[in-house]
Each structure stands twice: as C-alpha cells, then as structure tokens.
C-alpha cells in the first residue's frame, strides 16, 4: 500500500513539474522578447506576404525568386517616402507591375502555377523569432499567392522598410 501511494505521488509530482515547465516555456520567450531591444512593427505599416504553392524545394525556390525581385522593386518605389499614404498610393498604382514581376518569375522558371496579387487586409499568424514577437492579426499588406498557396510563406514590412529581417528563418540579415 505504501509503495502504491508513493508511485501515485511521484506520478502526480511528475505531471505537476511538467505543467510548470510548459508554462515557463510559453512565458519565457514572450517576456524575453518584451524585455530586450525588440524591433517592433509600427501599427501604421504595409507588409508583403508571399505564399508558395507547396513546400517542395522547387516551389520554395520560386517563392524566394519572386520575393527578391518584388522586394527589390518595391524598395525602389518607396525609397525616400515618409508618408504611409504616399507608400499606399505608390503600391496601389503599381499592383499590376507587381503581378507582372511575379508572373515573369513563374514563366522563367517553367512553373505552370498561376499567381495572384492583391492589396488589402491580410491575416497573419503570431510569430516569435528569437526576441521578435509579432502578434496575429489582420494587417495591410500585399499578398502574393503562388498556385495553391499551401507552402511556407515569407513576409516582411515594406513601409517603413523592415525587410532586413528574414522572417522565413527568424534571423536578422
């Protein structure tokens, strides 16, 4: 009887410690992110999000090429702007050009997938990258969906420009 009770107490203690450890693992990254020098995305920002067709190496590479070309072009368009409204108008005026850039990448790579580009409120999941905590929500963004858009995504902030963060790997570059 004593051994049985002892085993039950040990099991209960194990589960209690496991629960406490789980709570700490959820709490510590958030408090770490809140307590250090954190890059915070301004509330008034425009993001770029690109969804790959799938997670195959080929589809992910196409996403990266689209990312590089679109981001380079948009960076040129918004360089020197200080107003969110100006950036918004530039992006709206060039949405067709962004679509053409993405489509040209698909054509060059021989991809048979379609590509869809839109600008508006886009859902973003919560992301924690090291000391960077980005809450889920709907944010103003350009959304480029390649094919089914079921692969891993990449995103950054176009205006003000914060694309120095590689949100696909969670590292600052």
N, C-alpha and C. Protein backbone atom coordinates (compact mmCIF):
# COMPACT_ATOMS: atom_id res chain seq x y z
N UNK A 1 0.83 -1.20 0.00
CA UNK A 1 0.00 0.00 0.00
C UNK A 1 0.87 1.25 0.00
N UNK A 2 1.94 1.24 0.81
CA UNK A 2 2.84 2.39 0.87
C UNK A 2 3.49 2.64 -0.49
N UNK A 3 3.97 1.58 -1.16
CA UNK A 3 4.61 1.72 -2.48
C UNK A 3 3.62 2.24 -3.52
N UNK A 4 2.42 1.77 -3.47
CA UNK A 4 1.39 2.21 -4.42
C UNK A 4 1.12 3.71 -4.26
N UNK A 5 1.00 4.14 -3.01
CA UNK A 5 0.77 5.55 -2.73
C UNK A 5 1.97 6.40 -3.15
N UNK A 6 3.16 5.87 -2.92
CA UNK A 6 4.39 6.56 -3.29
C UNK A 6 4.47 6.74 -4.82
N UNK A 7 4.13 5.68 -5.56
CA UNK A 7 4.14 5.75 -7.02
C UNK A 7 3.15 6.81 -7.52
N UNK A 8 1.97 6.83 -6.91
CA UNK A 8 0.96 7.82 -7.30
C UNK A 8 1.45 9.24 -7.03
N UNK A 9 2.10 9.43 -5.89
CA UNK A 9 2.64 10.75 -5.56
C UNK A 9 3.75 11.16 -6.52
N UNK A 10 4.59 10.23 -6.90
CA UNK A 10 5.67 10.53 -7.85
C UNK A 10 5.09 10.89 -9.21
N UNK A 11 4.10 10.13 -9.66
CA UNK A 11 3.45 10.42 -10.94
C UNK A 11 2.78 11.80 -10.90
N UNK A 12 2.09 12.09 -9.82
CA UNK A 12 1.44 13.40 -9.68
C UNK A 12 2.47 14.52 -9.67
N UNK A 13 3.57 14.31 -8.96
CA UNK A 13 4.65 15.31 -8.92
C UNK A 13 5.25 15.50 -10.31
N UNK A 14 5.43 14.42 -11.04
CA UNK A 14 5.98 14.49 -12.40
C UNK A 14 5.08 15.35 -13.29
N UNK A 15 3.76 15.10 -13.25
CA UNK A 15 2.84 15.87 -14.08
C UNK A 15 2.78 17.34 -13.65
N UNK A 16 2.88 17.59 -12.37
CA UNK A 16 2.90 18.96 -11.88
C UNK A 16 4.14 19.69 -12.40
N UNK A 17 5.31 19.05 -12.31
CA UNK A 17 6.54 19.66 -12.82
C UNK A 17 6.48 19.85 -14.33
N UNK A 18 5.88 18.91 -15.03
CA UNK A 18 5.72 19.03 -16.47
C UNK A 18 4.83 20.22 -16.83
N UNK A 19 3.76 20.40 -16.09
CA UNK A 19 2.86 21.53 -16.33
C UNK A 19 3.57 22.85 -16.06
N UNK A 20 4.33 22.91 -14.98
CA UNK A 20 5.07 24.14 -14.65
C UNK A 20 6.11 24.45 -15.72
N UNK A 21 6.83 23.42 -16.15
CA UNK A 21 7.84 23.62 -17.20
C UNK A 21 7.19 24.10 -18.49
N UNK A 22 6.03 23.58 -18.83
CA UNK A 22 5.32 24.01 -20.03
C UNK A 22 4.93 25.48 -19.93
N UNK A 23 4.42 25.88 -18.79
CA UNK A 23 4.05 27.28 -18.59
C UNK A 23 5.27 28.19 -18.73
N UNK A 24 6.38 27.79 -18.13
CA UNK A 24 7.61 28.59 -18.26
C UNK A 24 8.08 28.67 -19.70
N UNK A 25 8.00 27.56 -20.43
CA UNK A 25 8.46 27.58 -21.82
C UNK A 25 7.60 28.50 -22.67
N UNK A 26 6.34 28.64 -22.33
CA UNK A 26 5.47 29.56 -23.06
C UNK A 26 5.68 31.00 -22.63
N UNK A 27 5.98 31.22 -21.36
CA UNK A 27 6.11 32.56 -20.82
C UNK A 27 7.47 33.19 -21.10
N UNK A 28 8.53 32.44 -20.95
CA UNK A 28 9.88 32.99 -21.04
C UNK A 28 10.18 33.64 -22.39
N UNK A 29 9.88 33.00 -23.56
CA UNK A 29 10.20 33.69 -24.81
C UNK A 29 9.47 35.02 -24.94
N UNK A 30 8.22 35.10 -24.49
CA UNK A 30 7.46 36.34 -24.60
C UNK A 30 8.04 37.42 -23.70
N UNK A 31 8.41 37.06 -22.47
CA UNK A 31 8.98 38.06 -21.59
C UNK A 31 10.37 38.45 -22.07
N UNK A 32 11.08 37.52 -22.65
CA UNK A 32 12.40 37.84 -23.21
C UNK A 32 12.23 38.81 -24.37
N UNK A 33 11.25 38.54 -25.22
CA UNK A 33 11.01 39.42 -26.35
C UNK A 33 10.56 40.80 -25.90
N UNK A 34 9.78 40.84 -24.80
CA UNK A 34 9.28 42.12 -24.34
C UNK A 34 10.34 42.91 -23.59
N UNK A 35 11.35 42.25 -23.04
CA UNK A 35 12.30 42.92 -22.18
C UNK A 35 13.55 43.42 -22.86
N UNK A 36 13.87 42.96 -24.05
CA UNK A 36 15.11 43.35 -24.70
C UNK A 36 14.82 44.33 -25.83
N UNK A 37 15.89 44.74 -26.50
CA UNK A 37 15.73 45.61 -27.65
C UNK A 37 15.02 44.83 -28.75
N UNK A 38 13.80 45.18 -29.00
CA UNK A 38 12.97 44.44 -29.94
C UNK A 38 12.59 45.37 -31.08
N UNK A 39 12.66 44.84 -32.28
CA UNK A 39 12.17 45.59 -33.43
C UNK A 39 10.67 45.42 -33.45
N UNK A 40 9.96 46.50 -33.28
CA UNK A 40 8.51 46.47 -33.25
C UNK A 40 7.99 47.03 -34.56
N UNK A 41 7.07 46.31 -35.17
CA UNK A 41 6.47 46.79 -36.40
C UNK A 41 5.48 47.89 -36.03
N UNK A 42 5.62 49.07 -36.64
CA UNK A 42 4.67 50.14 -36.34
C UNK A 42 3.24 49.74 -36.71
N UNK A 43 2.28 50.29 -35.99
CA UNK A 43 0.87 50.00 -36.31
C UNK A 43 0.55 50.43 -37.73
N UNK A 44 1.11 51.53 -38.14
CA UNK A 44 0.89 52.05 -39.50
C UNK A 44 2.02 51.54 -40.39
N UNK A 45 1.83 50.36 -40.95
CA UNK A 45 2.85 49.75 -41.79
C UNK A 45 2.18 48.98 -42.91
N UNK A 46 2.91 48.77 -43.96
CA UNK A 46 2.45 47.95 -45.08
C UNK A 46 3.40 46.76 -45.19
N UNK A 47 2.83 45.58 -45.21
CA UNK A 47 3.62 44.36 -45.26
C UNK A 47 3.54 43.72 -46.65
N UNK A 48 4.46 42.80 -46.87
CA UNK A 48 4.47 41.96 -48.07
C UNK A 48 4.47 40.52 -47.59
N UNK A 49 3.53 39.72 -48.09
CA UNK A 49 3.47 38.30 -47.74
C UNK A 49 3.39 37.49 -49.02
N UNK A 50 4.25 36.49 -49.12
CA UNK A 50 4.28 35.64 -50.30
C UNK A 50 4.07 34.19 -49.86
N UNK A 51 3.04 33.56 -50.43
CA UNK A 51 2.72 32.16 -50.12
C UNK A 51 3.17 31.28 -51.28
N UNK A 52 4.01 30.31 -51.00
CA UNK A 52 4.46 29.37 -52.02
C UNK A 52 3.36 28.36 -52.33
N UNK A 53 3.42 27.77 -53.51
CA UNK A 53 2.44 26.75 -53.89
C UNK A 53 2.49 25.57 -52.92
N UNK A 54 3.71 25.11 -52.60
CA UNK A 54 3.89 23.98 -51.68
C UNK A 54 5.23 24.14 -50.97
N UNK A 55 5.59 23.14 -50.21
CA UNK A 55 6.88 23.16 -49.53
C UNK A 55 7.97 22.41 -50.29
N UNK A 56 7.69 22.04 -51.53
CA UNK A 56 8.73 21.36 -52.31
C UNK A 56 9.90 22.34 -52.51
N UNK A 57 11.12 21.82 -52.64
CA UNK A 57 12.27 22.70 -52.84
C UNK A 57 12.09 23.63 -54.06
N UNK A 58 11.50 23.11 -55.12
CA UNK A 58 11.29 23.91 -56.33
C UNK A 58 10.34 25.08 -56.07
N UNK A 59 9.22 24.79 -55.41
CA UNK A 59 8.23 25.84 -55.12
C UNK A 59 8.78 26.87 -54.14
N UNK A 60 9.57 26.42 -53.17
CA UNK A 60 10.18 27.36 -52.23
C UNK A 60 11.21 28.25 -52.93
N UNK A 61 11.93 27.69 -53.87
CA UNK A 61 12.91 28.49 -54.63
C UNK A 61 12.20 29.54 -55.48
N UNK A 62 11.09 29.16 -56.11
CA UNK A 62 10.32 30.12 -56.90
C UNK A 62 9.84 31.26 -56.00
N UNK A 63 9.36 30.91 -54.80
CA UNK A 63 8.92 31.93 -53.84
C UNK A 63 10.05 32.90 -53.52
N UNK A 64 11.25 32.37 -53.30
CA UNK A 64 12.40 33.23 -52.98
C UNK A 64 12.78 34.15 -54.15
N UNK A 65 12.68 33.65 -55.36
CA UNK A 65 13.00 34.49 -56.52
C UNK A 65 11.95 35.60 -56.65
N UNK A 66 10.68 35.25 -56.48
CA UNK A 66 9.61 36.26 -56.51
C UNK A 66 9.88 37.28 -55.41
N UNK A 67 10.18 36.81 -54.22
CA UNK A 67 10.48 37.69 -53.08
C UNK A 67 11.58 38.69 -53.43
N UNK A 68 12.68 38.18 -53.95
CA UNK A 68 13.83 39.04 -54.25
C UNK A 68 13.48 40.10 -55.27
N UNK A 69 12.81 39.71 -56.32
CA UNK A 69 12.51 40.68 -57.39
C UNK A 69 11.45 41.69 -56.97
N UNK A 70 10.38 41.21 -56.35
CA UNK A 70 9.31 42.11 -55.92
C UNK A 70 9.81 43.06 -54.84
N UNK A 71 10.52 42.52 -53.86
CA UNK A 71 11.01 43.36 -52.77
C UNK A 71 11.99 44.41 -53.28
N UNK A 72 12.87 44.04 -54.20
CA UNK A 72 13.83 45.00 -54.76
C UNK A 72 13.10 46.14 -55.48
N UNK A 73 12.08 45.80 -56.24
CA UNK A 73 11.35 46.83 -56.99
C UNK A 73 10.55 47.74 -56.06
N UNK A 74 9.84 47.15 -55.11
CA UNK A 74 9.04 47.97 -54.20
C UNK A 74 9.94 48.86 -53.35
N UNK A 75 11.08 48.34 -52.93
CA UNK A 75 12.03 49.15 -52.15
C UNK A 75 12.43 50.39 -52.93
N UNK A 76 12.64 50.25 -54.22
CA UNK A 76 12.97 51.41 -55.06
C UNK A 76 11.81 52.40 -55.11
N UNK A 77 10.59 51.88 -55.26
CA UNK A 77 9.43 52.76 -55.36
C UNK A 77 9.19 53.56 -54.09
N UNK A 78 9.41 52.96 -52.92
CA UNK A 78 9.09 53.66 -51.66
C UNK A 78 10.30 54.33 -51.02
N UNK A 79 11.47 54.18 -51.66
CA UNK A 79 12.69 54.78 -51.10
C UNK A 79 12.49 56.30 -50.97
N UNK A 80 12.78 56.81 -49.81
CA UNK A 80 12.69 58.25 -49.58
C UNK A 80 11.32 58.73 -49.16
N UNK A 81 10.31 57.87 -49.23
CA UNK A 81 8.97 58.30 -48.80
C UNK A 81 8.90 58.35 -47.28
N UNK A 82 8.15 59.30 -46.76
CA UNK A 82 7.99 59.41 -45.32
C UNK A 82 6.53 59.26 -44.90
N UNK A 83 5.64 59.18 -45.85
CA UNK A 83 4.22 59.12 -45.56
C UNK A 83 3.65 57.75 -45.91
N UNK A 84 2.89 57.18 -44.98
CA UNK A 84 2.23 55.91 -45.25
C UNK A 84 1.25 56.06 -46.41
N UNK A 85 0.56 57.18 -46.46
CA UNK A 85 -0.41 57.40 -47.53
C UNK A 85 0.28 57.42 -48.90
N UNK A 86 1.45 58.06 -48.99
CA UNK A 86 2.21 58.06 -50.25
C UNK A 86 2.61 56.64 -50.63
N UNK A 87 3.10 55.88 -49.67
CA UNK A 87 3.50 54.50 -49.93
C UNK A 87 2.31 53.67 -50.39
N UNK A 88 1.18 53.85 -49.75
CA UNK A 88 -0.05 53.13 -50.11
C UNK A 88 -0.44 53.43 -51.56
N UNK A 89 -0.39 54.70 -51.94
CA UNK A 89 -0.76 55.09 -53.31
C UNK A 89 0.22 54.52 -54.34
N UNK A 90 1.51 54.56 -54.03
CA UNK A 90 2.53 54.00 -54.94
C UNK A 90 2.26 52.51 -55.15
N UNK A 91 2.01 51.82 -54.07
CA UNK A 91 1.78 50.37 -54.16
C UNK A 91 0.51 50.08 -54.95
N UNK A 92 -0.56 50.81 -54.68
CA UNK A 92 -1.81 50.60 -55.43
C UNK A 92 -1.59 50.87 -56.91
N UNK A 93 -0.86 51.94 -57.22
CA UNK A 93 -0.61 52.28 -58.62
C UNK A 93 0.22 51.22 -59.33
N UNK A 94 1.06 50.50 -58.59
CA UNK A 94 1.97 49.52 -59.19
C UNK A 94 1.56 48.06 -58.94
N UNK A 95 0.35 47.84 -58.47
CA UNK A 95 -0.07 46.47 -58.19
C UNK A 95 0.00 45.59 -59.44
N UNK A 96 -0.37 46.13 -60.58
CA UNK A 96 -0.28 45.39 -61.84
C UNK A 96 1.17 45.05 -62.18
N UNK A 97 2.08 45.97 -61.89
CA UNK A 97 3.51 45.72 -62.13
C UNK A 97 4.03 44.60 -61.22
N UNK A 98 3.56 44.59 -59.99
CA UNK A 98 3.97 43.54 -59.05
C UNK A 98 3.49 42.18 -59.56
N UNK A 99 2.26 42.14 -60.05
CA UNK A 99 1.71 40.91 -60.63
C UNK A 99 2.58 40.45 -61.81
N UNK A 100 2.97 41.39 -62.66
CA UNK A 100 3.79 41.06 -63.83
C UNK A 100 5.16 40.53 -63.43
N UNK A 101 5.76 41.12 -62.40
CA UNK A 101 7.06 40.65 -61.92
C UNK A 101 6.94 39.20 -61.44
N UNK A 102 5.92 38.93 -60.63
CA UNK A 102 5.73 37.57 -60.11
C UNK A 102 5.46 36.59 -61.25
N UNK A 103 4.62 37.00 -62.20
CA UNK A 103 4.30 36.12 -63.33
C UNK A 103 5.54 35.85 -64.18
N UNK A 104 6.38 36.85 -64.35
CA UNK A 104 7.59 36.65 -65.17
C UNK A 104 8.53 35.63 -64.51
N UNK A 105 8.58 35.62 -63.19
CA UNK A 105 9.40 34.62 -62.49
C UNK A 105 8.84 33.23 -62.76
N UNK A 106 7.54 33.07 -62.67
CA UNK A 106 6.94 31.76 -62.93
C UNK A 106 7.19 31.33 -64.37
N UNK A 107 7.07 32.27 -65.31
CA UNK A 107 7.33 31.95 -66.72
C UNK A 107 8.78 31.53 -66.92
N UNK A 108 9.71 32.28 -66.33
CA UNK A 108 11.14 31.98 -66.48
C UNK A 108 11.53 30.64 -65.88
N UNK A 109 10.88 30.27 -64.80
CA UNK A 109 11.23 29.02 -64.12
C UNK A 109 10.47 27.82 -64.69
N UNK A 110 9.58 28.07 -65.64
CA UNK A 110 8.81 26.98 -66.24
C UNK A 110 7.67 26.50 -65.38
N UNK A 111 7.30 27.26 -64.38
CA UNK A 111 6.21 26.87 -63.49
C UNK A 111 4.88 27.00 -64.23
N UNK A 112 4.01 26.04 -64.01
CA UNK A 112 2.68 26.08 -64.62
C UNK A 112 1.64 26.63 -63.66
N UNK A 113 2.06 27.04 -62.46
CA UNK A 113 1.13 27.57 -61.47
C UNK A 113 0.73 28.99 -61.85
N UNK A 114 -0.45 29.36 -61.39
CA UNK A 114 -0.86 30.74 -61.56
C UNK A 114 -0.36 31.54 -60.36
N UNK A 115 -0.45 32.85 -60.46
CA UNK A 115 -0.04 33.72 -59.36
C UNK A 115 -1.10 34.79 -59.21
N UNK A 116 -1.44 35.10 -57.98
CA UNK A 116 -2.47 36.10 -57.70
C UNK A 116 -1.90 37.15 -56.74
N UNK A 117 -2.06 38.41 -57.09
CA UNK A 117 -1.55 39.51 -56.28
C UNK A 117 -2.71 40.39 -55.86
N UNK A 118 -2.75 40.70 -54.56
CA UNK A 118 -3.80 41.59 -54.06
C UNK A 118 -3.23 42.51 -52.98
N UNK A 119 -3.94 43.58 -52.73
CA UNK A 119 -3.54 44.54 -51.71
C UNK A 119 -4.74 44.83 -50.82
N UNK A 120 -4.57 44.68 -49.52
CA UNK A 120 -5.68 44.93 -48.59
C UNK A 120 -5.33 44.39 -47.22
N UNK A 121 -6.36 44.03 -46.46
CA UNK A 121 -6.18 43.45 -45.12
C UNK A 121 -5.91 41.96 -45.28
N UNK A 122 -4.81 41.50 -44.71
CA UNK A 122 -4.37 40.11 -44.86
C UNK A 122 -4.15 39.52 -43.47
N UNK A 123 -4.59 38.28 -43.27
CA UNK A 123 -4.39 37.59 -41.99
C UNK A 123 -2.93 37.15 -41.85
N UNK A 124 -2.38 37.40 -40.67
CA UNK A 124 -1.03 36.96 -40.32
C UNK A 124 -1.11 36.19 -39.01
N UNK A 125 -0.41 35.05 -38.93
CA UNK A 125 -0.38 34.32 -37.66
C UNK A 125 0.61 34.95 -36.69
N UNK A 126 0.52 34.60 -35.42
CA UNK A 126 1.51 35.04 -34.43
C UNK A 126 2.84 34.39 -34.76
N UNK A 127 3.90 35.17 -34.69
CA UNK A 127 5.24 34.64 -34.94
C UNK A 127 6.18 35.13 -33.85
N UNK A 128 7.00 34.23 -33.37
CA UNK A 128 8.04 34.58 -32.41
C UNK A 128 9.36 34.11 -32.99
N UNK A 129 10.23 35.07 -33.32
CA UNK A 129 11.53 34.77 -33.88
C UNK A 129 12.59 35.32 -32.94
N UNK A 130 13.18 34.47 -32.13
CA UNK A 130 14.18 34.94 -31.18
C UNK A 130 13.55 35.97 -30.25
N UNK A 131 14.04 37.21 -30.32
CA UNK A 131 13.49 38.29 -29.49
C UNK A 131 12.44 39.11 -30.21
N UNK A 132 11.97 38.63 -31.35
CA UNK A 132 10.98 39.37 -32.12
C UNK A 132 9.62 38.69 -32.00
N UNK A 133 8.66 39.39 -31.41
CA UNK A 133 7.32 38.85 -31.23
C UNK A 133 6.36 39.65 -32.10
N UNK A 134 5.66 38.97 -32.98
CA UNK A 134 4.73 39.61 -33.90
C UNK A 134 3.35 38.99 -33.70
N UNK A 135 2.40 39.77 -33.17
CA UNK A 135 1.09 39.21 -32.86
C UNK A 135 0.27 38.93 -34.12
N UNK A 136 -0.60 37.94 -34.00
CA UNK A 136 -1.51 37.61 -35.09
C UNK A 136 -2.46 38.77 -35.32
N UNK A 137 -2.99 38.84 -36.50
CA UNK A 137 -3.98 39.86 -36.80
C UNK A 137 -4.11 40.10 -38.28
N UNK A 138 -4.98 41.01 -38.60
CA UNK A 138 -5.14 41.43 -39.99
C UNK A 138 -4.35 42.72 -40.17
N UNK A 139 -3.48 42.72 -41.17
CA UNK A 139 -2.63 43.86 -41.43
C UNK A 139 -2.70 44.25 -42.90
N UNK A 140 -2.49 45.52 -43.16
CA UNK A 140 -2.46 46.00 -44.53
C UNK A 140 -1.24 45.40 -45.22
N UNK A 141 -1.47 44.75 -46.36
CA UNK A 141 -0.36 44.05 -46.99
C UNK A 141 -0.64 43.77 -48.46
N UNK A 142 0.46 43.54 -49.17
CA UNK A 142 0.40 42.94 -50.49
C UNK A 142 0.51 41.44 -50.26
N UNK A 143 -0.41 40.69 -50.81
CA UNK A 143 -0.38 39.24 -50.70
C UNK A 143 -0.18 38.65 -52.09
N UNK A 144 0.91 37.90 -52.24
CA UNK A 144 1.18 37.20 -53.49
C UNK A 144 1.02 35.72 -53.20
N UNK A 145 0.06 35.10 -53.89
CA UNK A 145 -0.21 33.68 -53.71
C UNK A 145 0.20 32.95 -54.98
N UNK A 146 1.13 32.02 -54.84
CA UNK A 146 1.60 31.24 -55.97
C UNK A 146 0.88 29.89 -55.93
N UNK A 147 0.19 29.55 -57.03
CA UNK A 147 -0.54 28.29 -57.10
C UNK A 147 -1.56 28.18 -55.99
N UNK A 148 -1.51 27.05 -55.27
CA UNK A 148 -2.47 26.81 -54.18
C UNK A 148 -2.15 27.59 -52.91
N UNK A 149 -0.94 28.15 -52.82
CA UNK A 149 -0.56 28.93 -51.63
C UNK A 149 -0.54 28.10 -50.36
N UNK A 150 -0.20 26.82 -50.46
CA UNK A 150 -0.21 25.94 -49.29
C UNK A 150 1.18 25.70 -48.72
N UNK A 151 2.19 26.32 -49.30
CA UNK A 151 3.55 26.15 -48.81
C UNK A 151 3.90 27.20 -47.77
N UNK A 152 5.10 27.09 -47.24
CA UNK A 152 5.59 28.05 -46.25
C UNK A 152 5.60 29.45 -46.85
N UNK A 153 5.36 30.43 -46.02
CA UNK A 153 5.30 31.80 -46.50
C UNK A 153 6.53 32.58 -46.07
N UNK A 154 6.69 33.72 -46.70
CA UNK A 154 7.73 34.68 -46.33
C UNK A 154 7.04 36.02 -46.22
N UNK A 155 7.46 36.84 -45.25
CA UNK A 155 6.89 38.18 -45.16
C UNK A 155 7.88 39.15 -44.56
N UNK A 156 7.62 40.42 -44.84
CA UNK A 156 8.42 41.50 -44.25
C UNK A 156 7.56 42.75 -44.23
N UNK A 157 8.10 43.81 -43.70
CA UNK A 157 7.41 45.10 -43.68
C UNK A 157 8.01 45.95 -44.79
N UNK A 158 7.16 46.36 -45.72
CA UNK A 158 7.62 47.18 -46.85
C UNK A 158 7.79 48.64 -46.46
N UNK A 159 6.83 49.14 -45.70
CA UNK A 159 6.88 50.54 -45.31
C UNK A 159 6.38 50.67 -43.89
N UNK A 160 7.15 51.28 -42.99
CA UNK A 160 8.55 51.64 -43.19
C UNK A 160 9.37 50.38 -43.45
N UNK A 161 10.43 50.49 -44.23
CA UNK A 161 11.15 49.30 -44.66
C UNK A 161 11.82 48.55 -43.51
N UNK A 162 11.37 47.32 -43.28
CA UNK A 162 11.97 46.45 -42.28
C UNK A 162 12.24 45.08 -42.89
N UNK A 163 12.56 45.05 -44.16
CA UNK A 163 12.80 43.77 -44.82
C UNK A 163 14.20 43.25 -44.58
N UNK A 164 14.93 43.91 -43.67
CA UNK A 164 16.23 43.38 -43.31
C UNK A 164 16.07 42.16 -42.42
N UNK A 165 14.85 41.87 -41.99
CA UNK A 165 14.60 40.68 -41.19
C UNK A 165 14.18 39.55 -42.10
N UNK A 166 14.81 38.40 -41.97
CA UNK A 166 14.46 37.23 -42.75
C UNK A 166 13.44 36.44 -41.93
N UNK A 167 12.16 36.69 -42.19
CA UNK A 167 11.11 36.08 -41.39
C UNK A 167 10.92 34.61 -41.73
N UNK A 168 11.55 34.12 -42.78
CA UNK A 168 11.43 32.70 -43.09
C UNK A 168 12.31 31.87 -42.17
N UNK A 169 13.43 32.44 -41.73
CA UNK A 169 14.32 31.68 -40.85
C UNK A 169 14.40 32.29 -39.46
N UNK A 170 13.86 33.50 -39.30
CA UNK A 170 13.85 34.12 -37.98
C UNK A 170 15.15 34.78 -37.62
N UNK A 171 15.98 35.13 -38.59
CA UNK A 171 17.25 35.76 -38.28
C UNK A 171 17.33 37.14 -38.91
N UNK A 172 18.08 38.01 -38.27
CA UNK A 172 18.32 39.32 -38.84
C UNK A 172 19.45 39.20 -39.84
N UNK A 173 19.27 39.82 -40.99
CA UNK A 173 20.29 39.76 -42.03
C UNK A 173 20.70 41.17 -42.42
